[in-house]
Amino acid sequence: MGYRVVVAGATGNVGREMLNILAEREFPVDEIVALASRKSLGSECSFGDKTLKTKDLDTFDFTGWDIALFAIGSEATAIYAPKAAKAGCVVIDNSSLYRYDPDVPLVVPEVNPEAVLGYSKKNIIANPNCSTAQMVVALKPLHDRATIKRVVVSTYQSVSGAGKEGMDELWEQTKGMYVPGQEREPAKFTKQIAFNVIPHIDKFLDSGETKEEWKMVAETKKILDTKIKVTATCVRVPVFVGHSEAINIEFEDFLDEDEARDILREAPGIMVIDKREDGGYVTPVECVGDYATFISRIRQDSTIDNGINLWCVSDNLRKGAALNAVQIAETLGNRVLKKG
């Protein structure tokens, strides 16, 4: 016996990945429905060897459905997630709407799987920000060993994190560099993204940090440990898929780089590729389509007593969004719903 599963926002980048990953991981599905807005009504989506026609999110009745994976943005989630939850369907939401709600668990299954048990307060579980998800997967096993005091992270985030519009803008601007008459001014981004980097993701706050940077701080504390100090600089780069992060970690206790490497090799969800030679590291192009969070460039930080530097790369549409949501569904099934 399997689950009755809803994927809301099935025609978007993340929604399509959710369907792909549910099929790839053979999630126990008895019935599945793809929902979209009315402008996408009737569009076709793939689920394994099946083709699904999208149904109207606005009129859909969630009664009798077990799990709904939401990839529809905060505004739509505010309307439809409470409806689904009230109907008895557990919502796993990819937007930022519920991440900071104390009654909604924020879950990365390799880090805090036990948190799913808190779903019952609102029948909703939140998926973290893409840049946070891969970072806490890397931090968790090291924190268990040596206790992290402070994290300084610089991100190099792909345009797919800004959706299809971001990917289209990079493509069109790149073509415009070489084809006269096809130049494209910035629309999705604040400055040219082709052949450029932009140190600005989401809106600016009064503190001077951006909302994306604030998210990494708040979410790391909620998922991993409230005592960890985090400071972030988030940068958009001209890469289609795959987020990269340079992470500097200060620990309470000394941790040797070789031990850190061994710990990470044994940790769930992580692949260590760390050779001190040309090409002995992973770049975003190589992580696309993979489930793993890749770690490279592990080395001691000699400027502080207990410091480690590392490089972290992951497919943001997968671990940063769709894969993590499906893993939450798997964890919920194994620990609570127990079907399949």
Protein backbone atom coordinates (compact mmCIF):
# COMPACT_ATOMS: atom_id res chain seq x y z
CA MET A 1 0.00 0.00 0.00
CA GLY A 2 1.43 3.35 -1.03
CA TYR A 3 0.61 7.03 -0.75
CA ARG A 4 -1.68 9.40 -2.58
CA VAL A 5 0.69 12.23 -3.53
CA VAL A 6 0.11 15.75 -4.81
CA VAL A 7 2.78 17.84 -6.56
CA ALA A 8 1.70 21.50 -6.67
CA GLY A 9 3.63 23.68 -9.10
CA ALA A 10 4.40 20.67 -11.27
CA THR A 11 5.26 22.69 -14.40
CA GLY A 12 8.07 24.69 -12.76
CA ASN A 13 11.74 23.72 -12.50
CA VAL A 14 11.43 22.42 -8.95
CA GLY A 15 8.05 20.76 -9.47
CA ARG A 16 9.34 18.79 -12.45
CA GLU A 17 12.36 17.71 -10.42
CA MET A 18 10.05 16.56 -7.62
CA LEU A 19 8.21 14.30 -10.06
CA ASN A 20 11.50 13.00 -11.49
CA ILE A 21 12.94 12.22 -8.07
CA LEU A 22 9.78 10.57 -6.76
CA ALA A 23 10.02 8.22 -9.75
CA GLU A 24 13.79 7.72 -9.54
CA ARG A 25 13.69 6.84 -5.85
CA GLU A 26 10.64 4.61 -6.32
CA PHE A 27 8.66 6.44 -3.68
CA PRO A 28 5.64 4.25 -2.86
CA VAL A 29 2.90 6.01 -4.82
CA ASP A 30 -0.57 4.56 -5.28
CA GLU A 31 -1.87 7.68 -6.99
CA ILE A 32 -0.25 10.97 -8.01
CA VAL A 33 -1.64 14.24 -9.30
CA ALA A 34 0.17 17.22 -10.83
CA LEU A 35 -1.32 20.62 -10.01
CA ALA A 36 -0.64 23.97 -11.66
CA SER A 37 -2.20 27.39 -12.03
CA ARG A 38 -4.95 27.88 -14.58
CA LYS A 39 -2.55 29.36 -17.15
CA SER A 40 -0.71 26.01 -17.19
CA LEU A 41 -3.84 23.86 -16.97
CA GLY A 42 -3.61 20.78 -19.16
CA SER A 43 0.17 20.97 -19.55
CA GLU A 44 1.87 17.59 -19.52
CA CYS A 45 4.46 16.43 -16.98
CA SER A 46 6.48 13.22 -16.83
CA PHE A 47 6.38 10.83 -13.89
CA GLY A 48 8.58 7.87 -14.70
CA ASP A 49 7.10 6.29 -17.81
CA LYS A 50 3.76 8.01 -17.25
CA THR A 51 2.51 11.33 -18.57
CA LEU A 52 0.40 13.45 -16.23
CA LYS A 53 -1.90 16.26 -17.31
CA THR A 54 -1.97 19.10 -14.82
CA LYS A 55 -5.12 19.85 -12.88
CA ASP A 56 -6.29 23.17 -11.47
CA LEU A 57 -4.75 23.98 -8.09
CA ASP A 58 -7.48 26.50 -7.37
CA THR A 59 -10.32 23.98 -7.43
CA PHE A 60 -8.50 20.87 -6.22
CA ASP A 61 -9.89 19.01 -3.19
CA PHE A 62 -7.04 17.71 -0.97
CA THR A 63 -9.35 15.46 1.06
CA GLY A 64 -8.08 11.88 1.10
CA TRP A 65 -4.59 12.74 -0.17
CA ASP A 66 -1.64 11.87 2.08
CA ILE A 67 1.24 14.18 1.11
CA ALA A 68 1.47 17.36 -0.96
CA LEU A 69 4.80 18.67 -2.22
CA PHE A 70 4.47 22.42 -2.79
CA ALA A 71 6.66 24.40 -5.21
CA ILE A 72 4.40 27.39 -5.87
CA GLY A 73 5.99 30.35 -4.05
CA SER A 74 5.00 32.02 -0.80
CA GLU A 75 1.94 33.95 -1.98
CA ALA A 76 0.16 30.92 -3.41
CA THR A 77 1.31 28.74 -0.53
CA ALA A 78 -0.34 31.11 1.93
CA ILE A 79 -3.65 30.39 0.19
CA TYR A 80 -3.45 26.67 -0.56
CA ALA A 81 -1.24 25.12 2.14
CA PRO A 82 -3.76 25.77 4.96
CA LYS A 83 -6.52 24.28 2.78
CA ALA A 84 -4.51 21.12 2.16
CA ALA A 85 -3.44 20.84 5.80
CA LYS A 86 -7.00 21.30 7.05
CA ALA A 87 -8.11 18.51 4.69
CA GLY A 88 -5.66 16.14 6.39
CA CYS A 89 -2.94 16.24 3.72
CA VAL A 90 0.59 16.83 5.05
CA VAL A 91 2.20 19.73 3.17
CA ILE A 92 5.94 19.76 2.45
CA ASP A 93 6.55 23.33 1.36
CA ASN A 94 9.49 24.59 -0.66
CA SER A 95 8.74 28.31 -0.20
CA SER A 96 10.09 30.50 2.61
CA LEU A 97 6.62 31.14 4.08
CA TYR A 98 6.71 28.70 7.00
CA ARG A 99 10.45 28.26 7.57
CA TYR A 100 10.62 30.56 10.58
CA ASP A 101 7.29 29.55 12.12
CA PRO A 102 8.03 27.93 15.51
CA ASP A 103 5.14 25.51 14.98
CA VAL A 104 6.48 24.26 11.64
CA PRO A 105 9.54 21.98 11.52
CA LEU A 106 12.35 22.95 9.14
CA VAL A 107 13.95 19.71 8.04
CA VAL A 108 17.05 18.40 6.30
CA PRO A 109 16.81 14.61 6.76
CA GLU A 110 20.58 14.02 7.03
CA VAL A 111 20.70 16.63 9.82
CA ASN A 112 17.50 16.70 11.91
CA PRO A 113 15.16 13.88 10.78
CA GLU A 114 13.53 13.73 14.20
CA ALA A 115 12.09 17.21 13.60
CA VAL A 116 9.45 15.78 11.22
CA LEU A 117 7.55 14.62 14.30
CA GLY A 118 6.57 18.24 14.86
CA TYR A 119 4.50 18.30 11.66
CA SER A 120 1.26 17.65 13.52
CA LYS A 121 0.94 21.17 14.95
CA LYS A 122 0.00 22.58 11.54
CA ASN A 123 0.24 19.54 9.23
CA ILE A 124 3.05 21.40 7.42
CA ILE A 125 6.80 20.78 7.10
CA ALA A 126 9.13 23.42 5.62
CA ASN A 127 11.96 22.83 3.18
CA PRO A 128 14.98 25.11 3.77
CA ASN A 129 16.59 27.59 1.43
CA CYS A 130 18.74 25.91 -1.23
CA SER A 131 22.00 27.45 -0.01
CA THR A 132 21.29 26.46 3.60
CA ALA A 133 20.39 22.85 2.80
CA GLN A 134 23.73 21.87 1.31
CA MET A 135 25.71 23.77 3.94
CA VAL A 136 24.10 22.13 6.96
CA VAL A 137 24.62 18.67 5.41
CA ALA A 138 28.34 19.49 5.41
CA LEU A 139 28.35 21.08 8.87
CA LYS A 140 26.36 18.46 10.82
CA PRO A 141 28.94 15.63 11.09
CA LEU A 142 31.73 18.10 11.90
CA HIS A 143 29.57 19.83 14.54
CA ASP A 144 28.89 16.45 16.17
CA ARG A 145 32.62 15.88 16.51
CA ALA A 146 34.12 19.26 17.46
CA THR A 147 31.21 21.69 18.10
CA ILE A 148 31.02 24.62 15.67
CA LYS A 149 31.31 28.13 17.11
CA ARG A 150 31.23 30.25 13.97
CA VAL A 151 30.72 29.89 10.23
CA VAL A 152 31.76 32.37 7.53
CA VAL A 153 30.28 31.42 4.16
CA SER A 154 30.44 32.96 0.70
CA THR A 155 28.01 31.50 -1.82
CA TYR A 156 28.22 31.28 -5.60
CA GLN A 157 24.59 30.65 -6.54
CA SER A 158 23.35 29.60 -9.96
CA VAL A 159 20.63 31.43 -11.85
CA SER A 160 18.23 28.48 -11.60
CA GLY A 161 17.77 29.57 -8.00
CA ALA A 162 15.86 32.51 -9.48
CA GLY A 163 13.64 30.21 -11.55
CA LYS A 164 13.13 29.89 -15.30
CA GLU A 165 13.25 33.68 -15.75
CA GLY A 166 16.76 33.74 -14.32
CA MET A 167 17.94 30.94 -16.57
CA ASP A 168 16.39 32.58 -19.62
CA GLU A 169 18.02 35.90 -18.83
CA LEU A 170 21.50 34.37 -18.60
CA TRP A 171 20.95 32.53 -21.89
CA GLU A 172 19.60 35.56 -23.73
CA GLN A 173 22.31 37.90 -22.44
CA THR A 174 25.01 35.40 -23.36
CA LYS A 175 23.65 35.12 -26.91
CA GLY A 176 23.40 38.90 -27.07
CA MET A 177 27.14 39.22 -26.52
CA TYR A 178 27.75 37.57 -29.88
CA VAL A 179 24.62 38.19 -31.98
CA PRO A 180 23.94 41.83 -32.93
CA GLY A 181 20.39 42.89 -32.21
CA GLN A 182 19.81 40.25 -29.51
CA GLU A 183 21.17 42.24 -26.59
CA ARG A 184 19.05 41.96 -23.44
CA GLU A 185 18.94 44.40 -20.57
CA PRO A 186 18.68 43.12 -16.97
CA ALA A 187 15.10 42.34 -15.91
CA LYS A 188 15.18 39.47 -13.44
CA PHE A 189 18.52 40.54 -11.99
CA THR A 190 19.66 44.00 -10.93
CA LYS A 191 22.71 43.98 -13.20
CA GLN A 192 23.97 42.02 -16.18
CA ILE A 193 24.42 38.38 -15.15
CA ALA A 194 26.23 37.08 -18.26
CA PHE A 195 30.00 37.12 -17.71
CA ASN A 196 29.44 38.85 -14.37
CA VAL A 197 28.74 38.18 -10.69
CA ILE A 198 26.17 40.02 -8.57
CA PRO A 199 26.63 40.28 -4.77
CA HIS A 200 22.90 40.66 -4.21
CA ILE A 201 20.22 37.96 -3.81
CA ASP A 202 16.75 38.92 -2.53
CA LYS A 203 16.00 42.31 -0.98
CA PHE A 204 18.27 44.40 1.27
CA LEU A 205 17.50 44.60 4.98
CA ASP A 206 18.17 47.52 7.35
CA SER A 207 21.21 45.65 8.70
CA GLY A 208 22.89 45.84 5.28
CA GLU A 209 22.63 42.10 4.68
CA THR A 210 20.30 40.68 2.07
CA LYS A 211 17.31 38.48 2.86
CA GLU A 212 19.15 35.50 1.35
CA GLU A 213 22.04 36.04 3.76
CA TRP A 214 19.64 36.41 6.68
CA LYS A 215 17.94 33.16 5.67
CA MET A 216 21.20 31.23 5.89
CA VAL A 217 21.79 32.54 9.41
CA ALA A 218 18.27 31.93 10.73
CA GLU A 219 17.81 28.55 9.09
CA THR A 220 21.17 27.14 10.18
CA LYS A 221 20.33 28.04 13.76
CA LYS A 222 16.87 26.44 13.55
CA ILE A 223 18.05 23.26 11.83
CA LEU A 224 21.42 22.67 13.47
CA ASP A 225 22.13 24.69 16.64
CA THR A 226 20.94 28.08 17.88
CA LYS A 227 24.37 28.79 19.40
CA ILE A 228 26.26 28.72 16.08
CA LYS A 229 27.23 32.16 14.79
CA VAL A 230 26.86 32.51 11.01
CA THR A 231 27.77 35.30 8.63
CA ALA A 232 27.10 35.00 4.90
CA THR A 233 27.73 36.81 1.64
CA CYS A 234 25.47 35.50 -1.12
CA VAL A 235 26.44 36.03 -4.75
CA ARG A 236 24.63 35.21 -8.00
CA VAL A 237 26.96 33.79 -10.66
CA PRO A 238 26.54 32.97 -14.38
CA VAL A 239 26.02 29.24 -13.85
CA PHE A 240 22.76 27.57 -14.90
CA VAL A 241 22.50 24.87 -12.20
CA GLY A 242 24.55 24.12 -9.09
CA HIS A 243 25.32 26.23 -6.04
CA SER A 244 28.86 26.46 -4.65
CA GLU A 245 29.98 27.65 -1.23
CA ALA A 246 33.34 28.53 0.32
CA ILE A 247 32.89 27.74 4.02
CA ASN A 248 35.19 28.72 6.87
CA ILE A 249 34.40 26.94 10.15
CA GLU A 250 35.67 27.74 13.65
CA PHE A 251 35.27 24.95 16.22
CA GLU A 252 35.29 24.75 20.01
CA ASP A 253 37.78 21.88 19.80
CA PHE A 254 40.68 21.23 17.46
CA LEU A 255 39.82 19.15 14.39
CA ASP A 256 42.57 17.93 12.13
CA GLU A 257 41.90 18.24 8.40
CA ASP A 258 42.54 14.54 7.83
CA GLU A 259 40.02 13.58 10.49
CA ALA A 260 37.55 16.09 9.05
CA ARG A 261 37.98 14.48 5.64
CA ASP A 262 37.39 11.00 7.09
CA ILE A 263 34.29 12.16 8.99
CA LEU A 264 32.80 13.72 5.87
CA ARG A 265 33.51 10.61 3.78
CA GLU A 266 31.38 8.55 6.18
CA ALA A 267 28.56 11.10 6.51
CA PRO A 268 25.17 10.57 4.80
CA GLY A 269 24.48 12.51 1.63
CA ILE A 270 28.11 13.61 1.15
CA MET A 271 30.68 12.73 -1.49
CA VAL A 272 34.25 13.86 -0.80
CA ILE A 273 36.38 14.60 -3.89
CA ASP A 274 39.51 16.20 -2.51
CA LYS A 275 42.79 15.69 -4.33
CA ARG A 276 45.44 18.37 -4.20
CA GLU A 277 46.06 18.36 -7.91
CA ASP A 278 44.66 19.97 -11.04
CA GLY A 279 40.99 19.05 -11.28
CA GLY A 280 40.93 17.26 -7.92
CA TYR A 281 37.78 19.03 -6.79
CA VAL A 282 34.14 19.31 -7.88
CA THR A 283 32.59 22.26 -9.74
CA PRO A 284 28.88 22.98 -10.24
CA VAL A 285 28.83 21.63 -13.81
CA GLU A 286 29.82 18.21 -12.49
CA CYS A 287 27.18 18.04 -9.74
CA VAL A 288 24.13 18.55 -11.96
CA GLY A 289 21.67 15.67 -11.72
CA ASP A 290 23.37 14.13 -8.70
CA TYR A 291 21.88 13.59 -5.26
CA ALA A 292 25.09 14.18 -3.32
CA THR A 293 26.50 17.25 -1.65
CA PHE A 294 30.13 17.33 -2.82
CA ILE A 295 32.96 18.49 -0.57
CA SER A 296 36.44 19.50 -1.78
CA ARG A 297 39.40 21.69 -0.76
CA ILE A 298 39.36 20.56 2.90
CA ARG A 299 42.22 22.25 4.72
CA GLN A 300 43.31 23.73 8.01
CA ASP A 301 42.79 27.45 8.60
CA SER A 302 46.07 28.57 10.18
CA THR A 303 44.74 32.03 11.11
CA ILE A 304 42.65 30.69 14.03
CA ASP A 305 43.21 27.96 16.62
CA ASN A 306 40.48 25.55 15.54
CA GLY A 307 39.60 26.29 11.93
CA ILE A 308 38.79 24.35 8.77
CA ASN A 309 38.11 25.61 5.24
CA LEU A 310 36.15 23.65 2.67
CA TRP A 311 34.40 23.94 -0.70
CA CYS A 312 30.82 22.66 -1.00
CA VAL A 313 28.87 22.08 -4.25
CA SER A 314 25.39 20.71 -4.87
CA ASP A 315 22.61 20.67 -7.48
CA ASN A 316 20.31 23.34 -6.05
CA LEU A 317 17.25 22.03 -7.90
CA ARG A 318 17.82 18.65 -6.29
CA LYS A 319 19.32 18.76 -2.79
CA GLY A 320 18.50 22.43 -2.46
CA ALA A 321 14.83 21.88 -3.26
CA ALA A 322 13.17 18.83 -4.84
CA LEU A 323 15.36 16.05 -3.44
CA ASN A 324 15.20 17.39 0.09
CA ALA A 325 11.39 17.61 -0.15
CA VAL A 326 11.16 13.98 -1.30
CA GLN A 327 13.57 12.91 1.45
CA ILE A 328 11.30 14.65 3.96
CA ALA A 329 8.36 12.68 2.54
CA GLU A 330 10.37 9.46 2.90
CA THR A 331 11.29 10.32 6.49
CA LEU A 332 7.68 11.20 7.30
CA GLY A 333 6.55 7.90 5.81
CA ASN A 334 9.12 5.85 7.70
CA ARG A 335 8.58 7.53 11.06
CA VAL A 336 4.92 8.51 11.07
CA LEU A 337 2.63 7.46 8.23
CA LYS A 338 4.17 4.01 7.71
CA LYS A 339 2.68 2.98 4.38
CA GLY A 340 4.39 1.33 1.47
